[in-house]
Amino acid sequence: MMSREELLNAFENKKEQEIPVSFWHHYAKDEFVPANEHPEITGINVEGHAKYVDDVNPDFVKLMTDGYFQYDFQNVTDVHDLHSLIQLTNIPNDYWWLKGQRDLIKKQKNVIHGKYSFYNIFSPVTILKWALVDETKEPLTNGDKRFADLYAQSPELLHDVLKKIAGDINKQVDAAIDAGADGIYYSTQSIQDDRADNKDFFDYIQKPADFSVINEINRKAPINILHVCGFDQAKNHLEWYTDYQLQIINWSTHVDGYTLGEGKKLFGDRVVLGGFGITEQDVLYSGTKQEIQKEAQRIVSEAGTKGVLIGADCTIKRDTPIEHIKWAQEAVHALTK
């Protein structure tokens, strides 16, 4: 098992004695189902972490947010209406959504054998766009279209709504670190709509909301991960995120056009995480031992062994064979021994 000192050396962009490896997946069948309505999700989540960590022994752990994807818009009667959204009031510190996550994290920490952990938190933009769609009946990208509709109605009101949401995400950050998470895995993503695919939108709408949360993350924890999410082939302009001041950078190398090595240069030699794809067609899911280990070797050869962590573009599929993950770990760990 990698020592905490060795792991911190990698996180701090120092020469690595062994390259850290970590993958993760959801444990609930539907991560969007709220835990207050289905309290059994907490048990499924915790038991899933326990089994996964025992089976895989990752070098660090991403604590999954299953059951807490949905945010309660207090004092808002219609999330599709900007004039209703602007009436949003912040949740109190003892609200179920925060209390439940504190409890979840404490339980998760009890089953991961002291491993370094990052708690997953979503950006205000992501939180709002998910509220605009019924994920059980339609594609999540419909939320992107409706988000862009709100932007077209009033950029100023939308900016102010996101500022209010960020206030509650900051409370979520505080709750996570206070409950025992070592750091935050901050997931953000560009809106997938042509009306939002420009720097003016990014600088006025997305960046201020993200920066508000990132400032709080850095105030609470010294080592955190920026995840520029390319799940379901979502595209991001990775170069627009280079002034996002989190310490470790994770993105979809298979969607956004930058290898790990190229991304490391783009982000000024910051620590990078990823390399493997997450679809059924990618080698981690469908490959043989030889193919998976050859890909692991290729990724490390391209990215190097300083300030490099090996994982995936995003959350891997739930039914990814455990032995495939172990084969990748084995190959990566062998490269620096």
Protein backbone atom coordinates (compact mmCIF):
# COMPACT_ATOMS: atom_id res chain seq x y z
CA MET A 1 0.00 0.00 0.00
CA MET A 2 1.30 3.43 -0.95
CA SER A 3 2.27 5.50 2.07
CA ARG A 4 0.57 8.83 2.72
CA GLU A 5 3.93 10.56 2.29
CA GLU A 6 4.41 8.99 -1.15
CA LEU A 7 0.88 9.97 -2.12
CA LEU A 8 1.36 13.55 -0.97
CA ASN A 9 4.59 13.76 -2.98
CA ALA A 10 2.57 12.93 -6.08
CA PHE A 11 -0.17 15.41 -5.16
CA GLU A 12 2.49 18.08 -4.64
CA ASN A 13 4.02 17.51 -8.09
CA LYS A 14 7.19 15.84 -6.87
CA LYS A 15 9.00 12.89 -8.43
CA GLU A 16 6.96 9.79 -7.73
CA GLN A 17 8.30 6.57 -6.27
CA GLU A 18 5.08 4.95 -7.42
CA ILE A 19 2.34 6.46 -9.58
CA PRO A 20 -1.00 6.67 -7.74
CA VAL A 21 -3.99 5.01 -9.40
CA SER A 22 -7.67 5.47 -8.63
CA PHE A 23 -10.94 4.79 -10.43
CA TRP A 24 -14.51 5.15 -9.12
CA HIS A 25 -18.12 4.46 -9.99
CA HIS A 26 -21.61 5.04 -8.61
CA TYR A 27 -23.17 2.55 -6.21
CA ALA A 28 -26.86 3.45 -6.27
CA LYS A 29 -28.83 2.31 -9.33
CA ASP A 30 -29.92 5.92 -9.81
CA GLU A 31 -27.61 8.46 -8.22
CA PHE A 32 -30.20 11.22 -8.74
CA VAL A 33 -32.76 9.71 -6.35
CA PRO A 34 -32.78 11.93 -3.21
CA ALA A 35 -31.59 10.30 -0.01
CA ASN A 36 -34.24 11.98 2.12
CA GLU A 37 -36.93 10.16 0.16
CA HIS A 38 -34.95 6.92 -0.15
CA PRO A 39 -32.74 6.64 2.97
CA GLU A 40 -31.62 3.17 1.91
CA ILE A 41 -29.34 4.85 -0.63
CA THR A 42 -26.95 5.88 2.14
CA GLY A 43 -26.45 2.25 3.13
CA ILE A 44 -25.99 1.20 -0.49
CA ASN A 45 -23.46 4.00 -0.96
CA VAL A 46 -21.43 3.18 2.16
CA GLU A 47 -21.50 -0.59 1.62
CA GLY A 48 -20.47 -0.01 -1.99
CA HIS A 49 -17.46 2.01 -0.91
CA ALA A 50 -16.47 -0.65 1.62
CA LYS A 51 -16.59 -3.50 -0.88
CA TYR A 52 -14.91 -1.51 -3.65
CA VAL A 53 -12.02 -0.38 -1.46
CA ASP A 54 -11.55 -3.90 -0.10
CA ASP A 55 -11.62 -5.42 -3.59
CA VAL A 56 -9.56 -2.84 -5.45
CA ASN A 57 -7.36 -1.11 -2.84
CA PRO A 58 -7.13 2.22 -4.72
CA ASP A 59 -4.36 4.62 -3.77
CA PHE A 60 -6.93 7.31 -2.96
CA VAL A 61 -10.72 7.42 -2.93
CA LYS A 62 -13.34 9.64 -4.48
CA LEU A 63 -16.32 9.73 -2.10
CA MET A 64 -19.47 9.49 -4.20
CA THR A 65 -22.45 11.81 -3.74
CA ASP A 66 -25.17 9.31 -4.67
CA GLY A 67 -28.44 10.48 -3.11
CA TYR A 68 -27.40 14.15 -3.01
CA PHE A 69 -27.34 15.16 -6.67
CA GLN A 70 -30.60 17.05 -6.28
CA TYR A 71 -30.50 20.49 -4.62
CA ASP A 72 -33.57 21.99 -2.95
CA PHE A 73 -34.39 25.43 -4.34
CA GLN A 74 -35.78 27.11 -1.24
CA ASN A 75 -38.58 29.66 -1.78
CA VAL A 76 -38.64 28.93 -5.54
CA THR A 77 -41.99 27.89 -7.02
CA ASP A 78 -40.77 27.28 -10.58
CA VAL A 79 -37.12 26.60 -11.41
CA HIS A 80 -37.85 27.28 -15.10
CA ASP A 81 -38.76 30.89 -14.33
CA LEU A 82 -35.95 33.36 -13.65
CA HIS A 83 -38.20 35.67 -11.67
CA SER A 84 -39.05 32.76 -9.39
CA LEU A 85 -35.44 31.58 -9.21
CA ILE A 86 -34.21 34.99 -8.06
CA GLN A 87 -36.36 34.55 -4.94
CA LEU A 88 -34.05 31.71 -3.85
CA THR A 89 -33.10 31.78 -0.18
CA ASN A 90 -30.12 29.91 1.20
CA ILE A 91 -30.53 26.72 3.18
CA PRO A 92 -29.72 26.70 6.91
CA ASN A 93 -26.66 24.81 8.18
CA ASP A 94 -28.86 22.18 9.83
CA TYR A 95 -30.83 21.44 6.65
CA TRP A 96 -31.25 17.75 5.78
CA TRP A 97 -29.18 18.08 2.58
CA LEU A 98 -26.13 19.21 4.58
CA LYS A 99 -26.71 17.05 7.66
CA GLY A 100 -27.20 13.98 5.50
CA GLN A 101 -23.95 14.55 3.64
CA ARG A 102 -22.02 15.05 6.87
CA ASP A 103 -23.38 11.74 8.08
CA LEU A 104 -22.65 10.04 4.76
CA ILE A 105 -19.04 11.21 4.69
CA LYS A 106 -18.38 10.07 8.25
CA LYS A 107 -19.73 6.62 7.36
CA GLN A 108 -17.72 6.51 4.12
CA LYS A 109 -14.55 7.45 5.97
CA ASN A 110 -15.11 4.61 8.43
CA VAL A 111 -14.92 2.00 5.67
CA ILE A 112 -12.03 3.21 3.46
CA HIS A 113 -9.20 2.26 5.84
CA GLY A 114 -7.73 5.74 6.28
CA LYS A 115 -7.19 6.35 2.57
CA TYR A 116 -6.92 9.93 1.32
CA SER A 117 -10.35 11.00 0.11
CA PHE A 118 -11.95 13.64 -2.09
CA TYR A 119 -15.67 14.35 -1.79
CA ASN A 120 -17.55 14.99 -5.01
CA ILE A 121 -19.23 18.41 -5.34
CA PHE A 122 -20.95 19.83 -8.43
CA SER A 123 -20.80 23.38 -9.73
CA PRO A 124 -23.71 25.84 -9.44
CA VAL A 125 -24.17 25.68 -13.23
CA THR A 126 -24.45 21.89 -13.16
CA ILE A 127 -26.81 21.96 -10.17
CA LEU A 128 -29.16 24.38 -11.92
CA LYS A 129 -29.19 22.71 -15.32
CA TRP A 130 -29.99 19.34 -13.70
CA ALA A 131 -32.95 20.96 -11.95
CA LEU A 132 -34.34 21.92 -15.35
CA VAL A 133 -34.69 18.34 -16.59
CA ASP A 134 -36.37 15.11 -15.49
CA GLU A 135 -33.52 12.66 -15.92
CA THR A 136 -35.88 9.69 -15.74
CA LYS A 137 -37.82 10.82 -18.84
CA GLU A 138 -35.48 12.82 -21.06
CA PRO A 139 -31.79 13.39 -21.87
CA LEU A 140 -29.79 15.48 -19.41
CA THR A 141 -28.74 17.71 -22.30
CA ASN A 142 -32.28 19.12 -22.35
CA GLY A 143 -31.23 20.88 -19.17
CA ASP A 144 -28.42 22.59 -21.09
CA LYS A 145 -30.89 23.92 -23.65
CA ARG A 146 -33.22 25.26 -20.94
CA PHE A 147 -30.26 26.82 -19.13
CA ALA A 148 -29.35 28.63 -22.35
CA ASP A 149 -32.99 29.73 -22.64
CA LEU A 150 -32.70 31.38 -19.21
CA TYR A 151 -29.47 33.06 -20.31
CA ALA A 152 -31.21 34.43 -23.40
CA GLN A 153 -33.96 35.90 -21.21
CA SER A 154 -31.65 37.73 -18.79
CA PRO A 155 -27.92 37.11 -18.32
CA GLU A 156 -27.97 39.45 -15.32
CA LEU A 157 -30.67 37.57 -13.43
CA LEU A 158 -29.07 34.22 -14.22
CA HIS A 159 -25.72 35.52 -12.93
CA ASP A 160 -27.36 36.53 -9.66
CA VAL A 161 -29.20 33.21 -9.28
CA LEU A 162 -25.94 31.28 -9.67
CA LYS A 163 -24.32 33.50 -7.05
CA LYS A 164 -27.04 32.48 -4.60
CA ILE A 165 -26.66 28.78 -5.44
CA ALA A 166 -22.90 29.09 -4.96
CA GLY A 167 -23.54 30.25 -1.40
CA ASP A 168 -25.17 26.92 -0.61
CA ILE A 169 -22.51 24.90 -2.48
CA ASN A 170 -19.97 26.65 -0.26
CA LYS A 171 -21.89 25.32 2.76
CA GLN A 172 -21.68 21.88 1.18
CA VAL A 173 -17.90 22.30 0.86
CA ASP A 174 -17.65 23.26 4.52
CA ALA A 175 -19.82 20.32 5.57
CA ALA A 176 -17.71 17.86 3.58
CA ILE A 177 -14.35 18.94 4.95
CA ASP A 178 -15.65 19.33 8.49
CA ALA A 179 -17.04 15.78 8.29
CA GLY A 180 -13.64 14.35 7.40
CA ALA A 181 -13.07 14.50 3.65
CA ASP A 182 -9.44 15.40 2.94
CA GLY A 183 -10.28 17.45 -0.13
CA ILE A 184 -12.92 18.24 -2.75
CA TYR A 185 -13.39 16.82 -6.23
CA TYR A 186 -15.05 19.80 -7.93
CA SER A 187 -17.01 18.89 -11.04
CA THR A 188 -17.89 21.59 -13.55
CA GLN A 189 -18.92 21.49 -17.19
CA SER A 190 -19.66 23.92 -19.98
CA ILE A 191 -23.27 24.29 -21.10
CA GLN A 192 -23.81 22.11 -24.18
CA ASP A 193 -25.67 24.65 -26.32
CA ASP A 194 -24.40 26.86 -29.15
CA ARG A 195 -25.73 29.99 -27.42
CA ALA A 196 -23.40 29.31 -24.49
CA ASP A 197 -20.38 28.20 -26.50
CA ASN A 198 -18.53 31.50 -26.29
CA LYS A 199 -16.11 33.25 -23.99
CA ASP A 200 -18.54 36.03 -23.05
CA PHE A 201 -20.96 33.48 -21.58
CA PHE A 202 -18.16 31.60 -19.86
CA ASP A 203 -16.59 34.68 -18.29
CA TYR A 204 -19.85 36.25 -17.10
CA ILE A 205 -21.95 33.22 -16.17
CA GLN A 206 -19.84 30.17 -15.48
CA LYS A 207 -16.52 31.45 -14.20
CA PRO A 208 -17.78 33.73 -11.37
CA ALA A 209 -19.96 30.95 -9.97
CA ASP A 210 -17.11 28.45 -10.19
CA PHE A 211 -14.59 30.86 -8.65
CA SER A 212 -16.85 31.52 -5.68
CA VAL A 213 -16.86 27.82 -4.85
CA ILE A 214 -13.19 27.26 -5.70
CA ASN A 215 -12.18 30.04 -3.30
CA GLU A 216 -14.07 28.29 -0.50
CA ILE A 217 -12.61 24.91 -1.44
CA ASN A 218 -9.09 26.29 -1.21
CA ARG A 219 -9.90 27.97 2.09
CA LYS A 220 -10.96 24.64 3.57
CA ALA A 221 -8.46 22.17 2.10
CA PRO A 222 -4.94 22.34 0.64
CA ILE A 223 -5.24 19.63 -2.05
CA ASN A 224 -8.27 19.40 -4.32
CA ILE A 225 -9.24 18.20 -7.78
CA LEU A 226 -10.77 20.17 -10.65
CA HIS A 227 -12.86 17.88 -12.84
CA VAL A 228 -13.83 19.41 -16.18
CA CYS A 229 -16.56 16.93 -16.97
CA GLY A 230 -16.76 15.32 -20.38
CA PHE A 231 -19.31 12.68 -19.37
CA ASP A 232 -21.62 11.55 -22.19
CA GLN A 233 -19.31 13.23 -24.73
CA ALA A 234 -19.84 16.74 -23.33
CA LYS A 235 -17.28 19.09 -24.86
CA ASN A 236 -15.37 21.78 -22.96
CA HIS A 237 -12.83 24.39 -24.03
CA LEU A 238 -10.14 23.15 -21.68
CA GLU A 239 -8.00 26.22 -22.29
CA TRP A 240 -10.71 28.40 -20.70
CA TYR A 241 -10.16 26.62 -17.37
CA THR A 242 -6.43 27.21 -16.97
CA ASP A 243 -6.91 29.97 -14.36
CA TYR A 244 -9.08 27.74 -12.18
CA GLN A 245 -6.80 27.47 -9.17
CA LEU A 246 -7.24 23.91 -7.96
CA GLN A 247 -4.25 21.69 -7.48
CA ILE A 248 -5.02 18.54 -9.52
CA ILE A 249 -6.67 18.62 -12.96
CA ASN A 250 -8.91 15.87 -14.40
CA TRP A 251 -10.69 16.03 -17.76
CA SER A 252 -11.78 13.79 -20.62
CA THR A 253 -8.68 13.08 -22.67
CA HIS A 254 -10.94 11.26 -25.13
CA VAL A 255 -13.32 14.21 -25.73
CA ASP A 256 -11.58 17.52 -25.09
CA GLY A 257 -8.58 17.01 -27.33
CA TYR A 258 -5.69 17.04 -24.85
CA THR A 259 -3.67 14.04 -23.72
CA LEU A 260 -2.49 13.93 -20.09
CA GLY A 261 0.93 15.21 -21.14
CA GLU A 262 -0.54 18.00 -23.26
CA GLY A 263 -2.93 18.97 -20.48
CA LYS A 264 -0.10 19.10 -17.98
CA LYS A 265 1.65 21.65 -20.18
CA LEU A 266 -1.58 23.58 -20.77
CA PHE A 267 -2.16 23.92 -17.00
CA GLY A 268 1.39 25.11 -16.31
CA ASP A 269 2.76 21.77 -15.12
CA ARG A 270 0.08 21.22 -12.49
CA VAL A 271 -0.68 17.67 -11.35
CA VAL A 272 -2.94 15.79 -13.76
CA LEU A 273 -5.27 12.82 -13.30
CA GLY A 274 -6.86 10.46 -15.81
CA GLY A 275 -5.92 8.80 -19.07
CA PHE A 276 -8.39 5.93 -19.48
CA GLY A 277 -11.73 6.20 -21.28
CA ILE A 278 -15.04 5.31 -19.64
CA THR A 279 -17.27 3.88 -22.36
CA GLU A 280 -18.03 0.25 -23.18
CA GLN A 281 -15.85 0.65 -26.27
CA ASP A 282 -12.81 1.81 -24.29
CA VAL A 283 -10.07 -0.60 -23.33
CA LEU A 284 -10.56 -0.41 -19.55
CA TYR A 285 -14.07 -1.84 -19.93
CA SER A 286 -13.67 -4.22 -22.86
CA GLY A 287 -9.97 -4.96 -23.23
CA THR A 288 -7.85 -7.97 -22.41
CA LYS A 289 -5.19 -7.87 -19.71
CA GLN A 290 -2.53 -7.32 -22.34
CA GLU A 291 -4.48 -4.50 -24.00
CA ILE A 292 -5.26 -2.72 -20.72
CA GLN A 293 -1.68 -2.93 -19.49
CA LYS A 294 -0.31 -1.79 -22.82
CA GLU A 295 -2.62 1.24 -22.65
CA ALA A 296 -1.50 1.98 -19.08
CA GLN A 297 2.10 1.92 -20.20
CA ARG A 298 1.32 4.16 -23.18
CA ILE A 299 -0.46 6.73 -20.97
CA VAL A 300 2.44 6.93 -18.52
CA SER A 301 5.03 7.03 -21.29
CA GLU A 302 3.25 10.04 -22.79
CA ALA A 303 2.50 11.88 -19.52
CA GLY A 304 5.60 11.11 -17.46
CA THR A 305 6.06 10.13 -13.82
CA LYS A 306 6.12 13.51 -12.08
CA GLY A 307 2.81 14.99 -10.97
CA VAL A 308 0.81 12.33 -12.80
CA LEU A 309 -2.06 10.27 -11.34
CA ILE A 310 -3.70 7.55 -13.41
CA GLY A 311 -7.46 7.18 -13.50
CA ALA A 312 -10.25 7.79 -15.99
CA ASP A 313 -11.93 10.63 -17.86
CA CYS A 314 -14.83 10.53 -15.40
CA THR A 315 -16.86 7.97 -13.43
CA ILE A 316 -16.41 4.50 -14.90
CA LYS A 317 -19.31 2.18 -15.63
CA ARG A 318 -20.69 0.30 -12.63
CA ASP A 319 -20.09 -3.09 -14.22
CA THR A 320 -16.48 -2.48 -15.21
CA PRO A 321 -14.80 -5.77 -14.21
CA ILE A 322 -12.75 -5.46 -11.03
CA GLU A 323 -9.90 -7.43 -12.57
CA HIS A 324 -9.64 -4.83 -15.35
CA ILE A 325 -9.04 -2.11 -12.75
CA LYS A 326 -6.47 -4.30 -11.01
CA TRP A 327 -4.68 -4.96 -14.29
CA ALA A 328 -4.37 -1.22 -14.89
CA GLN A 329 -3.11 -0.67 -11.32
CA GLU A 330 -0.58 -3.46 -11.63
CA ALA A 331 0.85 -2.09 -14.85
CA VAL A 332 1.09 1.50 -13.62
CA HIS A 333 2.63 0.59 -10.26
CA ALA A 334 5.23 -1.57 -11.98
CA LEU A 335 6.46 1.31 -14.11
CA THR A 336 8.18 3.17 -11.28
CA LYS A 337 9.50 0.21 -9.28
